[in-house]
Amino acid sequence: MLILAGLFNAVAGLAGGVLAIGTFVVTISFLFTSTDYAHTVPFLSPVGTFIIKDVVLLGVAS
């Protein structure tokens, strides 16, 4: 909602972007700390593919 509010208020948009980046960075860290996924480069296990989408979302949010 804050990112959407950024259309009308730049400070709200900045706050939303920073919070989104923080969320995606924490989620991406699960790729390196979780024992549930295949430790291969493509991360193509079910858990890995669910988490790897956050790399794309991080790029969009930043």
Protein backbone atom coordinates (compact mmCIF):
# COMPACT_ATOMS: atom_id res chain seq x y z
CA MET A 1 0.00 0.00 0.00
CA LEU A 2 2.87 2.38 0.73
CA ILE A 3 4.38 1.83 -2.70
CA LEU A 4 1.01 2.66 -4.25
CA ALA A 5 0.73 5.72 -2.00
CA GLY A 6 4.04 6.82 -3.51
CA LEU A 7 2.06 8.07 -6.50
CA PHE A 8 0.76 10.84 -4.28
CA ASN A 9 3.44 11.16 -1.60
CA ALA A 10 7.12 10.53 -2.32
CA VAL A 11 8.01 9.83 1.32
CA ALA A 12 5.38 7.08 1.54
CA GLY A 13 6.68 5.53 -1.67
CA LEU A 14 10.25 5.59 -0.37
CA ALA A 15 9.19 4.00 2.91
CA GLY A 16 7.28 1.29 1.03
CA GLY A 17 10.25 0.58 -1.21
CA VAL A 18 12.65 0.30 1.72
CA LEU A 19 10.30 -2.04 3.58
CA ALA A 20 9.82 -4.18 0.46
CA ILE A 21 13.58 -4.43 -0.09
CA GLY A 22 14.05 -5.49 3.54
CA THR A 23 11.38 -8.14 3.22
CA PHE A 24 12.86 -9.62 0.06
CA VAL A 25 16.43 -9.59 1.40
CA VAL A 26 15.34 -11.51 4.49
CA THR A 27 13.43 -14.01 2.36
CA ILE A 28 16.34 -14.48 -0.05
CA SER A 29 18.60 -15.23 2.91
CA PHE A 30 16.54 -18.40 3.43
CA LEU A 31 18.18 -19.78 0.27
CA PHE A 32 21.48 -19.91 2.12
CA THR A 33 20.27 -20.87 5.58
CA SER A 34 17.44 -23.33 4.86
CA THR A 35 18.12 -27.05 4.71
CA ASP A 36 14.89 -27.73 2.80
CA TYR A 37 16.08 -27.02 -0.71
CA ALA A 38 18.55 -28.62 -3.11
CA HIS A 39 21.95 -26.98 -2.65
CA THR A 40 22.54 -26.64 -6.38
CA VAL A 41 22.98 -23.46 -8.34
CA PRO A 42 19.52 -23.28 -9.98
CA PHE A 43 17.69 -23.82 -6.65
CA LEU A 44 15.05 -25.81 -8.51
CA SER A 45 13.51 -27.65 -5.59
CA PRO A 46 9.93 -26.64 -4.70
CA VAL A 47 11.11 -24.48 -1.81
CA GLY A 48 13.94 -22.97 -3.86
CA THR A 49 11.70 -21.89 -6.72
CA PHE A 50 9.27 -20.33 -4.27
CA ILE A 51 12.06 -18.29 -2.68
CA ILE A 52 14.01 -17.46 -5.87
CA LYS A 53 11.05 -15.40 -7.13
CA ASP A 54 12.03 -12.85 -4.49
CA VAL A 55 15.18 -12.07 -6.48
CA VAL A 56 12.97 -10.72 -9.25
CA LEU A 57 10.73 -8.88 -6.78
CA LEU A 58 13.81 -7.34 -5.15
CA GLY A 59 14.87 -5.99 -8.52
CA VAL A 60 11.44 -4.51 -9.11
CA ALA A 61 11.28 -2.93 -5.65
CA SER A 62 14.71 -1.30 -5.90
